[in-house]
Amino acid sequence: MRTVYLGTSEFAVAVLRRLAASHHRPALVVTRPDRPKGRGRKLAPPPAAEAARELGIELIQPASVNDDEARAAIAAAAPEAVCICAYGGLIKEPLLSDHPMLNVHPSLLPRWRGAAPVERAIEAGDAETGVSIMRPIAELDAGPVCLQRTEPIRPDDDFASLAARLEALGGDLLVEALDASPPFRDQPADGITYAEKIETADRALDPALGPERLERRVRALTPHVGAYAELPGGERLGVRRAVPVPGAGIPPGELRQADGRVLLGCEGGALELLEIQPAGKRPMEAAAWLRGHPLPDASTG
């Protein structure tokens, strides 16, 4: 089947590679414009642009996929299906109705519609998630679903490990949907939740949330976004691995040390920081960081 592919992120790249290896290889890839990146803020292409060039697939990067020029380029590719995964921009009418569309969404819709379904599923403590292949409509992630498959969330999963499995599953399901054209079914009205975009406040290790929730937040945001604790003076200390410690008796929000361990006090216990990332530096073991940054002893309360 002749396809056009809309995608931007690393997640989208994995699905693109699977699609390109099938007999539904895209005739065109549409992704977002280059954007400033890194400390130097130099313009850099999104991951899907680099992948399309590597794969030798025609590429466009419109300011809006909904403008006349972008729609004309998609139409010129004569797709039998437009495939979408983590594009990062709203697709509007009349483009929505111009071509048959399949969207790869990494959740078990209607749970976790929205921008951050993988992160929200981990932080919420869900036992499983999955991938849905759905037809996009004007309402966000509310279109009918033709394929859906589950994936367990393991106790040690972070974003990277879970996303890697969902990428592979998403690519396989997309190819299966193109091969078999399964029927679409409307999403149920019950069980709808929304995975809002990760904002700065969502990255903070708020001691009011308790150690178990904070440990899940760390895993949900590692390694791509990053959770952080606040040091005295307001500097942020990135946290990449942590474990909950019940009943530690440390004041909420306080960082303390105990036997070479770094503990963040929170409601109902503490969070032991195992791997941290100081501002502007590489990740390191928290015990090594502690040697150069002594903290009050936990026994002082």
C-alpha atoms as a PDB file:
ATOM      1  CA  MET A   1       0.000   0.000   0.000  1.00  0.00           C
ATOM      2  CA  ARG A   2       1.342   3.445  -0.901  1.00  0.00           C
ATOM      3  CA  THR A   3       1.770   5.552   2.242  1.00  0.00           C
ATOM      4  CA  VAL A   4       2.800   8.951   3.542  1.00  0.00           C
ATOM      5  CA  TYR A   5       4.230   9.153   7.066  1.00  0.00           C
ATOM      6  CA  LEU A   6       3.844  11.979   9.589  1.00  0.00           C
ATOM      7  CA  GLY A   7       6.141  11.772  12.621  1.00  0.00           C
ATOM      8  CA  THR A   8       8.762  13.694  14.543  1.00  0.00           C
ATOM      9  CA  SER A   9      10.196  12.072  17.710  1.00  0.00           C
ATOM     10  CA  GLU A  10      12.554   9.164  18.365  1.00  0.00           C
ATOM     11  CA  PHE A  11       9.477   7.051  19.033  1.00  0.00           C
ATOM     12  CA  ALA A  12       8.191   7.995  15.575  1.00  0.00           C
ATOM     13  CA  VAL A  13      11.546   7.046  14.040  1.00  0.00           C
ATOM     14  CA  ALA A  14      11.301   3.462  15.287  1.00  0.00           C
ATOM     15  CA  VAL A  15       7.841   3.101  13.751  1.00  0.00           C
ATOM     16  CA  LEU A  16       9.047   4.737  10.519  1.00  0.00           C
ATOM     17  CA  ARG A  17      11.893   2.247  10.193  1.00  0.00           C
ATOM     18  CA  ARG A  18       9.499  -0.672  10.615  1.00  0.00           C
ATOM     19  CA  LEU A  19       7.137   0.803   8.032  1.00  0.00           C
ATOM     20  CA  ALA A  20       9.984   1.481   5.588  1.00  0.00           C
ATOM     21  CA  ALA A  21      11.118  -2.151   5.878  1.00  0.00           C
ATOM     22  CA  SER A  22       7.647  -3.389   4.900  1.00  0.00           C
ATOM     23  CA  HIS A  23       5.948  -3.309   1.515  1.00  0.00           C
ATOM     24  CA  HIS A  24       4.164  -0.146   2.716  1.00  0.00           C
ATOM     25  CA  ARG A  25       7.357   1.966   2.503  1.00  0.00           C
ATOM     26  CA  PRO A  26       6.377   5.667   2.623  1.00  0.00           C
ATOM     27  CA  ALA A  27       6.672   7.767  -0.513  1.00  0.00           C
ATOM     28  CA  LEU A  28       6.966  10.888   1.643  1.00  0.00           C
ATOM     29  CA  VAL A  29       7.830  11.760   5.241  1.00  0.00           C
ATOM     30  CA  VAL A  30       6.347  14.898   6.792  1.00  0.00           C
ATOM     31  CA  THR A  31       7.931  16.195   9.989  1.00  0.00           C
ATOM     32  CA  ARG A  32       8.328  19.424  11.966  1.00  0.00           C
ATOM     33  CA  PRO A  33      10.763  22.236  11.072  1.00  0.00           C
ATOM     34  CA  ASP A  34      14.313  22.318  12.436  1.00  0.00           C
ATOM     35  CA  ARG A  35      14.511  23.877  15.896  1.00  0.00           C
ATOM     36  CA  PRO A  36      17.222  25.267  18.213  1.00  0.00           C
ATOM     37  CA  LYS A  37      18.824  22.612  20.401  1.00  0.00           C
ATOM     38  CA  GLY A  38      21.450  22.295  23.097  1.00  0.00           C
ATOM     39  CA  ARG A  39      23.429  24.947  24.890  1.00  0.00           C
ATOM     40  CA  GLY A  40      24.461  26.648  21.665  1.00  0.00           C
ATOM     41  CA  ARG A  41      20.816  26.771  20.519  1.00  0.00           C
ATOM     42  CA  LYS A  42      21.861  25.795  16.988  1.00  0.00           C
ATOM     43  CA  LEU A  43      19.170  24.702  14.571  1.00  0.00           C
ATOM     44  CA  ALA A  44      18.888  20.915  14.430  1.00  0.00           C
ATOM     45  CA  PRO A  45      16.553  18.623  12.506  1.00  0.00           C
ATOM     46  CA  PRO A  46      14.027  16.476  14.354  1.00  0.00           C
ATOM     47  CA  PRO A  47      14.863  12.759  14.595  1.00  0.00           C
ATOM     48  CA  ALA A  48      12.370  11.800  11.868  1.00  0.00           C
ATOM     49  CA  ALA A  49      14.013  14.186   9.386  1.00  0.00           C
ATOM     50  CA  GLU A  50      17.408  12.569   9.937  1.00  0.00           C
ATOM     51  CA  ALA A  51      15.889   9.101   9.589  1.00  0.00           C
ATOM     52  CA  ALA A  52      14.055   9.988   6.365  1.00  0.00           C
ATOM     53  CA  ARG A  53      17.280  11.264   4.806  1.00  0.00           C
ATOM     54  CA  GLU A  54      19.128   8.151   5.902  1.00  0.00           C
ATOM     55  CA  LEU A  55      16.402   5.957   4.411  1.00  0.00           C
ATOM     56  CA  GLY A  56      16.343   7.930   1.159  1.00  0.00           C
ATOM     57  CA  ILE A  57      12.680   8.944   1.509  1.00  0.00           C
ATOM     58  CA  GLU A  58      11.436  12.298   0.220  1.00  0.00           C
ATOM     59  CA  LEU A  59      11.032  14.751   3.100  1.00  0.00           C
ATOM     60  CA  ILE A  60       9.139  17.972   3.767  1.00  0.00           C
ATOM     61  CA  GLN A  61       9.137  20.080   6.946  1.00  0.00           C
ATOM     62  CA  PRO A  62       6.236  22.521   6.687  1.00  0.00           C
ATOM     63  CA  ALA A  63       5.512  25.143   9.315  1.00  0.00           C
ATOM     64  CA  SER A  64       1.997  23.677   9.331  1.00  0.00           C
ATOM     65  CA  VAL A  65       0.935  20.353   7.867  1.00  0.00           C
ATOM     66  CA  ASN A  66      -2.504  21.888   7.358  1.00  0.00           C
ATOM     67  CA  ASP A  67      -1.436  24.643   4.941  1.00  0.00           C
ATOM     68  CA  ASP A  68      -2.189  24.429   1.227  1.00  0.00           C
ATOM     69  CA  GLU A  69       1.393  23.703   0.178  1.00  0.00           C
ATOM     70  CA  ALA A  70       1.792  20.800   2.617  1.00  0.00           C
ATOM     71  CA  ARG A  71      -1.593  19.348   1.661  1.00  0.00           C
ATOM     72  CA  ALA A  72      -0.645  19.564  -2.007  1.00  0.00           C
ATOM     73  CA  ALA A  73       2.662  17.741  -1.378  1.00  0.00           C
ATOM     74  CA  ILE A  74       0.850  14.956   0.467  1.00  0.00           C
ATOM     75  CA  ALA A  75      -1.753  14.686  -2.288  1.00  0.00           C
ATOM     76  CA  ALA A  76       0.992  14.555  -4.944  1.00  0.00           C
ATOM     77  CA  ALA A  77       2.390  11.445  -3.233  1.00  0.00           C
ATOM     78  CA  ALA A  78      -0.997   9.776  -3.908  1.00  0.00           C
ATOM     79  CA  PRO A  79      -1.185   7.901  -0.589  1.00  0.00           C
ATOM     80  CA  GLU A  80      -3.652   5.103  -0.032  1.00  0.00           C
ATOM     81  CA  ALA A  81      -3.078   5.743   3.684  1.00  0.00           C
ATOM     82  CA  VAL A  82      -1.477   8.515   5.737  1.00  0.00           C
ATOM     83  CA  CYS A  83       0.277   7.031   8.780  1.00  0.00           C
ATOM     84  CA  ILE A  84       0.869   9.182  11.854  1.00  0.00           C
ATOM     85  CA  CYS A  85       2.976   8.643  14.962  1.00  0.00           C
ATOM     86  CA  ALA A  86       4.115  11.266  17.469  1.00  0.00           C
ATOM     87  CA  TYR A  87       3.901  14.075  14.918  1.00  0.00           C
ATOM     88  CA  GLY A  88       3.476  16.764  17.567  1.00  0.00           C
ATOM     89  CA  GLY A  89       1.021  18.993  15.723  1.00  0.00           C
ATOM     90  CA  LEU A  90      -2.746  19.059  15.305  1.00  0.00           C
ATOM     91  CA  ILE A  91      -4.118  17.723  12.037  1.00  0.00           C
ATOM     92  CA  LYS A  92      -7.203  19.659  11.018  1.00  0.00           C
ATOM     93  CA  GLU A  93      -9.855  19.670   8.357  1.00  0.00           C
ATOM     94  CA  PRO A  94      -9.779  19.488   5.397  1.00  0.00           C
ATOM     95  CA  LEU A  95      -6.598  17.400   5.665  1.00  0.00           C
ATOM     96  CA  LEU A  96      -8.295  15.000   8.091  1.00  0.00           C
ATOM     97  CA  SER A  97     -10.771  14.067   5.383  1.00  0.00           C
ATOM     98  CA  ASP A  98      -8.417  14.205   2.401  1.00  0.00           C
ATOM     99  CA  HIS A  99      -6.974  10.699   2.912  1.00  0.00           C
ATOM    100  CA  PRO A 100      -7.531   7.531   4.965  1.00  0.00           C
ATOM    101  CA  MET A 101      -5.446   7.934   8.123  1.00  0.00           C
ATOM    102  CA  LEU A 102      -3.985   5.602  10.751  1.00  0.00           C
ATOM    103  CA  ASN A 103      -2.518   6.967  13.977  1.00  0.00           C
ATOM    104  CA  VAL A 104      -0.184   4.967  16.247  1.00  0.00           C
ATOM    105  CA  HIS A 105      -0.996   5.917  19.848  1.00  0.00           C
ATOM    106  CA  PRO A 106       0.975   4.345  22.755  1.00  0.00           C
ATOM    107  CA  SER A 107      -1.842   3.652  25.201  1.00  0.00           C
ATOM    108  CA  LEU A 108      -4.921   1.493  25.580  1.00  0.00           C
ATOM    109  CA  LEU A 109      -7.441   4.083  24.402  1.00  0.00           C
ATOM    110  CA  PRO A 110      -9.582   5.606  25.782  1.00  0.00           C
ATOM    111  CA  ARG A 111      -7.112   5.610  28.691  1.00  0.00           C
ATOM    112  CA  TRP A 112      -4.396   8.238  28.322  1.00  0.00           C
ATOM    113  CA  ARG A 113      -5.459  10.299  25.364  1.00  0.00           C
ATOM    114  CA  GLY A 114      -3.032  13.147  24.819  1.00  0.00           C
ATOM    115  CA  ALA A 115       0.615  14.131  24.636  1.00  0.00           C
ATOM    116  CA  ALA A 116       2.350  12.033  27.331  1.00  0.00           C
ATOM    117  CA  PRO A 117       0.644   8.623  27.582  1.00  0.00           C
ATOM    118  CA  VAL A 118       3.774   6.599  28.375  1.00  0.00           C
ATOM    119  CA  GLU A 119       4.874   8.894  31.196  1.00  0.00           C
ATOM    120  CA  ARG A 120       1.396   9.171  32.717  1.00  0.00           C
ATOM    121  CA  ALA A 121       0.854   5.404  32.675  1.00  0.00           C
ATOM    122  CA  ILE A 122       4.100   4.765  34.572  1.00  0.00           C
ATOM    123  CA  GLU A 123       3.513   7.526  37.117  1.00  0.00           C
ATOM    124  CA  ALA A 124      -0.062   6.404  37.760  1.00  0.00           C
ATOM    125  CA  GLY A 125       1.163   2.908  38.616  1.00  0.00           C
ATOM    126  CA  ASP A 126      -0.755   1.216  35.789  1.00  0.00           C
ATOM    127  CA  ALA A 127      -0.065  -2.507  35.539  1.00  0.00           C
ATOM    128  CA  GLU A 128      -0.234  -2.423  31.754  1.00  0.00           C
ATOM    129  CA  THR A 129      -0.438  -0.127  28.774  1.00  0.00           C
ATOM    130  CA  GLY A 130      -0.215  -0.850  25.067  1.00  0.00           C
ATOM    131  CA  VAL A 131      -0.655   0.536  21.565  1.00  0.00           C
ATOM    132  CA  SER A 132      -3.816   1.499  19.723  1.00  0.00           C
ATOM    133  CA  ILE A 133      -4.139   2.019  15.977  1.00  0.00           C
ATOM    134  CA  MET A 134      -6.891   4.559  15.497  1.00  0.00           C
ATOM    135  CA  ARG A 135      -8.406   6.902  12.943  1.00  0.00           C
ATOM    136  CA  PRO A 136      -7.772  10.528  13.932  1.00  0.00           C
ATOM    137  CA  ILE A 137     -10.707  12.894  14.189  1.00  0.00           C
ATOM    138  CA  ALA A 138     -11.007  16.524  15.275  1.00  0.00           C
ATOM    139  CA  GLU A 139     -11.341  15.547  18.957  1.00  0.00           C
ATOM    140  CA  LEU A 140      -7.966  14.622  20.458  1.00  0.00           C
ATOM    141  CA  ASP A 141      -7.257  10.860  20.269  1.00  0.00           C
ATOM    142  CA  ALA A 142     -10.989  10.130  20.303  1.00  0.00           C
ATOM    143  CA  GLY A 143     -11.309   8.395  16.933  1.00  0.00           C
ATOM    144  CA  PRO A 144     -12.319   4.774  16.364  1.00  0.00           C
ATOM    145  CA  VAL A 145      -9.760   2.013  16.971  1.00  0.00           C
ATOM    146  CA  CYS A 146      -9.016  -0.877  14.612  1.00  0.00           C
ATOM    147  CA  LEU A 147      -6.220  -2.666  16.494  1.00  0.00           C
ATOM    148  CA  GLN A 148      -5.070  -2.669  20.109  1.00  0.00           C
ATOM    149  CA  ARG A 149      -2.530  -4.742  21.977  1.00  0.00           C
ATOM    150  CA  THR A 150      -1.404  -4.691  25.606  1.00  0.00           C
ATOM    151  CA  GLU A 151       2.099  -4.444  27.070  1.00  0.00           C
ATOM    152  CA  PRO A 152       2.868  -5.024  30.783  1.00  0.00           C
ATOM    153  CA  ILE A 153       4.535  -2.229  32.735  1.00  0.00           C
ATOM    154  CA  ARG A 154       7.342  -3.837  34.723  1.00  0.00           C
ATOM    155  CA  PRO A 155       8.213  -2.638  38.231  1.00  0.00           C
ATOM    156  CA  ASP A 156      11.610  -1.400  37.025  1.00  0.00           C
ATOM    157  CA  ASP A 157      10.440   0.168  33.745  1.00  0.00           C
ATOM    158  CA  ASP A 158      11.435   3.732  33.031  1.00  0.00           C
ATOM    159  CA  PHE A 159      10.336   5.734  30.003  1.00  0.00           C
ATOM    160  CA  ALA A 160      13.203   4.454  27.869  1.00  0.00           C
ATOM    161  CA  SER A 161      12.642   0.748  28.507  1.00  0.00           C
ATOM    162  CA  LEU A 162       8.858   0.886  28.142  1.00  0.00           C
ATOM    163  CA  ALA A 163       8.932   3.174  25.099  1.00  0.00           C
ATOM    164  CA  ALA A 164      11.358   0.810  23.348  1.00  0.00           C
ATOM    165  CA  ARG A 165       8.863  -2.048  23.634  1.00  0.00           C
ATOM    166  CA  LEU A 166       5.935   0.146  22.614  1.00  0.00           C
ATOM    167  CA  GLU A 167       7.856   1.427  19.560  1.00  0.00           C
ATOM    168  CA  ALA A 168       8.378  -2.119  18.346  1.00  0.00           C
ATOM    169  CA  LEU A 169       4.771  -3.042  19.068  1.00  0.00           C
ATOM    170  CA  GLY A 170       3.507   0.120  17.367  1.00  0.00           C
ATOM    171  CA  GLY A 171       5.476  -0.555  14.191  1.00  0.00           C
ATOM    172  CA  ASP A 172       4.237  -4.135  13.992  1.00  0.00           C
ATOM    173  CA  LEU A 173       0.622  -3.134  14.633  1.00  0.00           C
ATOM    174  CA  LEU A 174       0.741  -0.397  12.006  1.00  0.00           C
ATOM    175  CA  VAL A 175       2.002  -2.816   9.361  1.00  0.00           C
ATOM    176  CA  GLU A 176      -0.630  -5.350  10.457  1.00  0.00           C
ATOM    177  CA  ALA A 177      -3.363  -2.722  10.097  1.00  0.00           C
ATOM    178  CA  LEU A 178      -2.178  -1.827   6.605  1.00  0.00           C
ATOM    179  CA  ASP A 179      -1.985  -5.512   5.644  1.00  0.00           C
ATOM    180  CA  ALA A 180      -5.351  -6.610   6.993  1.00  0.00           C
ATOM    181  CA  SER A 181      -7.541  -3.445   7.076  1.00  0.00           C
ATOM    182  CA  PRO A 182      -9.357  -4.549  10.263  1.00  0.00           C
ATOM    183  CA  PRO A 183     -12.696  -2.883  11.064  1.00  0.00           C
ATOM    184  CA  PHE A 184     -12.821   0.215  13.255  1.00  0.00           C
ATOM    185  CA  ARG A 185     -14.796   0.344  16.478  1.00  0.00           C
ATOM    186  CA  ASP A 186     -15.764   3.451  18.423  1.00  0.00           C
ATOM    187  CA  GLN A 187     -13.978   3.962  21.722  1.00  0.00           C
ATOM    188  CA  PRO A 188     -16.070   3.280  24.825  1.00  0.00           C
ATOM    189  CA  ALA A 189     -17.432   6.292  26.661  1.00  0.00           C
ATOM    190  CA  ASP A 190     -16.168   4.978  30.015  1.00  0.00           C
ATOM    191  CA  GLY A 191     -12.550   5.022  31.178  1.00  0.00           C
ATOM    192  CA  ILE A 192     -11.430   8.184  29.403  1.00  0.00           C
ATOM    193  CA  THR A 193      -8.321   9.810  30.923  1.00  0.00           C
ATOM    194  CA  TYR A 194      -6.003  12.481  29.567  1.00  0.00           C
ATOM    195  CA  ALA A 195      -2.211  12.416  29.476  1.00  0.00           C
ATOM    196  CA  GLU A 196      -1.402  16.103  29.653  1.00  0.00           C
ATOM    197  CA  LYS A 197       1.904  17.421  28.342  1.00  0.00           C
ATOM    198  CA  ILE A 198       4.760  17.270  30.883  1.00  0.00           C
ATOM    199  CA  GLU A 199       5.257  20.722  32.366  1.00  0.00           C
ATOM    200  CA  THR A 200       7.960  21.969  34.734  1.00  0.00           C
ATOM    201  CA  ALA A 201       5.739  21.383  37.774  1.00  0.00           C
ATOM    202  CA  ASP A 202       5.316  17.736  36.741  1.00  0.00           C
ATOM    203  CA  ARG A 203       9.090  17.250  36.965  1.00  0.00           C
ATOM    204  CA  ALA A 204       9.437  18.445  40.553  1.00  0.00           C
ATOM    205  CA  LEU A 205       9.682  15.802  43.292  1.00  0.00           C
ATOM    206  CA  ASP A 206       6.867  17.226  45.402  1.00  0.00           C
ATOM    207  CA  PRO A 207       7.230  15.715  48.898  1.00  0.00           C
ATOM    208  CA  ALA A 208       3.458  15.800  49.378  1.00  0.00           C
ATOM    209  CA  LEU A 209       3.068  12.989  46.830  1.00  0.00           C
ATOM    210  CA  GLY A 210       4.735  10.311  48.967  1.00  0.00           C
ATOM    211  CA  PRO A 211       7.734   8.073  48.202  1.00  0.00           C
ATOM    212  CA  GLU A 212       6.003   5.497  45.962  1.00  0.00           C
ATOM    213  CA  ARG A 213       4.495   8.128  43.668  1.00  0.00           C
ATOM    214  CA  LEU A 214       7.798  10.013  43.531  1.00  0.00           C
ATOM    215  CA  GLU A 215       9.710   6.864  42.598  1.00  0.00           C
ATOM    216  CA  ARG A 216       7.286   6.296  39.728  1.00  0.00           C
ATOM    217  CA  ARG A 217       7.666   9.935  38.651  1.00  0.00           C
ATOM    218  CA  VAL A 218      11.432   9.483  38.427  1.00  0.00           C
ATOM    219  CA  ARG A 219      11.035   6.397  36.240  1.00  0.00           C
ATOM    220  CA  ALA A 220       8.362   8.047  34.088  1.00  0.00           C
ATOM    221  CA  LEU A 221      10.641  10.979  33.221  1.00  0.00           C
ATOM    222  CA  THR A 222      13.960   9.139  32.780  1.00  0.00           C
ATOM    223  CA  PRO A 223      15.978   9.758  30.691  1.00  0.00           C
ATOM    224  CA  HIS A 224      14.281  12.172  28.290  1.00  0.00           C
ATOM    225  CA  VAL A 225      12.768  14.868  30.533  1.00  0.00           C
ATOM    226  CA  GLY A 226      14.107  14.260  34.019  1.00  0.00           C
ATOM    227  CA  ALA A 227      12.679  14.707  37.498  1.00  0.00           C
ATOM    228  CA  TYR A 228      14.434  16.955  39.989  1.00  0.00           C
ATOM    229  CA  ALA A 229      14.753  17.742  43.676  1.00  0.00           C
ATOM    230  CA  GLU A 230      15.443  21.256  44.865  1.00  0.00           C
ATOM    231  CA  LEU A 231      18.656  21.951  46.773  1.00  0.00           C
ATOM    232  CA  PRO A 232      18.952  24.667  49.428  1.00  0.00           C
ATOM    233  CA  GLY A 233      19.275  27.917  47.497  1.00  0.00           C
ATOM    234  CA  GLY A 234      16.936  26.744  44.735  1.00  0.00           C
ATOM    235  CA  GLU A 235      19.364  24.845  42.493  1.00  0.00           C
ATOM    236  CA  ARG A 236      17.849  21.785  40.837  1.00  0.00           C
ATOM    237  CA  LEU A 237      19.336  18.343  41.297  1.00  0.00           C
ATOM    238  CA  GLY A 238      18.276  15.932  38.576  1.00  0.00           C
ATOM    239  CA  VAL A 239      17.180  12.500  39.798  1.00  0.00           C
ATOM    240  CA  ARG A 240      17.455   9.517  37.457  1.00  0.00           C
ATOM    241  CA  ARG A 241      17.038   6.523  39.807  1.00  0.00           C
ATOM    242  CA  ALA A 242      15.444   6.301  43.241  1.00  0.00           C
ATOM    243  CA  VAL A 243      13.725   3.900  45.624  1.00  0.00           C
ATOM    244  CA  PRO A 244      11.031   4.574  48.249  1.00  0.00           C
ATOM    245  CA  VAL A 245      11.955   4.286  51.932  1.00  0.00           C
ATOM    246  CA  PRO A 246       8.954   4.006  54.268  1.00  0.00           C
ATOM    247  CA  GLY A 247       8.859   5.736  57.647  1.00  0.00           C
ATOM    248  CA  ALA A 248      12.231   7.507  57.492  1.00  0.00           C
ATOM    249  CA  GLY A 249      11.185  10.386  59.755  1.00  0.00           C
ATOM    250  CA  ILE A 250      12.805  13.123  57.644  1.00  0.00           C
ATOM    251  CA  PRO A 251      10.949  16.432  57.327  1.00  0.00           C
ATOM    252  CA  PRO A 252       9.173  16.640  53.947  1.00  0.00           C
ATOM    253  CA  GLY A 253      11.277  18.428  51.351  1.00  0.00           C
ATOM    254  CA  GLU A 254      14.532  18.102  53.319  1.00  0.00           C
ATOM    255  CA  LEU A 255      17.600  16.354  51.855  1.00  0.00           C
ATOM    256  CA  ARG A 256      19.527  14.323  54.435  1.00  0.00           C
ATOM    257  CA  GLN A 257      22.251  11.691  54.447  1.00  0.00           C
ATOM    258  CA  ALA A 258      22.306   8.366  56.275  1.00  0.00           C
ATOM    259  CA  ASP A 259      25.203   5.907  56.032  1.00  0.00           C
ATOM    260  CA  GLY A 260      26.326   7.324  52.695  1.00  0.00           C
ATOM    261  CA  ARG A 261      22.818   7.430  51.264  1.00  0.00           C
ATOM    262  CA  VAL A 262      20.980  10.535  50.042  1.00  0.00           C
ATOM    263  CA  LEU A 263      17.387  10.762  51.290  1.00  0.00           C
ATOM    264  CA  LEU A 264      14.627  13.190  50.355  1.00  0.00           C
ATOM    265  CA  GLY A 265      11.972  13.507  53.051  1.00  0.00           C
ATOM    266  CA  CYS A 266       8.365  13.229  51.938  1.00  0.00           C
ATOM    267  CA  GLU A 267       4.929  12.404  53.301  1.00  0.00           C
ATOM    268  CA  GLY A 268       4.899   8.840  54.632  1.00  0.00           C
ATOM    269  CA  GLY A 269       8.622   8.210  54.336  1.00  0.00           C
ATOM    270  CA  ALA A 270      11.548   9.236  52.144  1.00  0.00           C
ATOM    271  CA  LEU A 271      12.913   8.787  48.655  1.00  0.00           C
ATOM    272  CA  GLU A 272      16.450   7.438  48.449  1.00  0.00           C
ATOM    273  CA  LEU A 273      18.252   9.020  45.503  1.00  0.00           C
ATOM    274  CA  LEU A 274      20.473   6.456  43.760  1.00  0.00           C
ATOM    275  CA  GLU A 275      21.570   8.272  40.608  1.00  0.00           C
ATOM    276  CA  ILE A 276      21.550  12.023  40.244  1.00  0.00           C
ATOM    277  CA  GLN A 277      22.564  14.645  37.696  1.00  0.00           C
ATOM    278  CA  PRO A 278      23.846  17.981  38.996  1.00  0.00           C
ATOM    279  CA  ALA A 279      23.113  20.995  36.800  1.00  0.00           C
ATOM    280  CA  GLY A 280      25.415  21.078  33.781  1.00  0.00           C
ATOM    281  CA  LYS A 281      27.088  17.763  34.645  1.00  0.00           C
ATOM    282  CA  ARG A 282      26.845  14.104  33.749  1.00  0.00           C
ATOM    283  CA  PRO A 283      24.756  11.604  35.705  1.00  0.00           C
ATOM    284  CA  MET A 284      26.545  10.070  38.682  1.00  0.00           C
ATOM    285  CA  GLU A 285      25.918   7.842  41.678  1.00  0.00           C
ATOM    286  CA  ALA A 286      24.316   9.797  44.500  1.00  0.00           C
ATOM    287  CA  ALA A 287      26.854   8.396  46.995  1.00  0.00           C
ATOM    288  CA  ALA A 288      29.705   9.891  44.943  1.00  0.00           C
ATOM    289  CA  TRP A 289      27.961  13.253  44.768  1.00  0.00           C
ATOM    290  CA  LEU A 290      27.408  13.193  48.535  1.00  0.00           C
ATOM    291  CA  ARG A 291      31.159  13.010  49.213  1.00  0.00           C
ATOM    292  CA  GLY A 292      31.544  16.500  47.782  1.00  0.00           C
ATOM    293  CA  HIS A 293      28.208  17.841  49.026  1.00  0.00           C
ATOM    294  CA  PRO A 294      27.714  16.874  52.679  1.00  0.00           C
ATOM    295  CA  LEU A 295      24.161  16.962  53.984  1.00  0.00           C
ATOM    296  CA  PRO A 296      22.716  17.026  57.509  1.00  0.00           C
ATOM    297  CA  ASP A 297      22.439  13.608  59.101  1.00  0.00           C
ATOM    298  CA  ALA A 298      19.000  11.978  58.944  1.00  0.00           C
ATOM    299  CA  SER A 299      19.148  11.289  62.675  1.00  0.00           C
ATOM    300  CA  THR A 300      18.917  15.018  63.393  1.00  0.00           C
ATOM    301  CA  GLY A 301      15.205  14.951  62.274  1.00  0.00           C
END
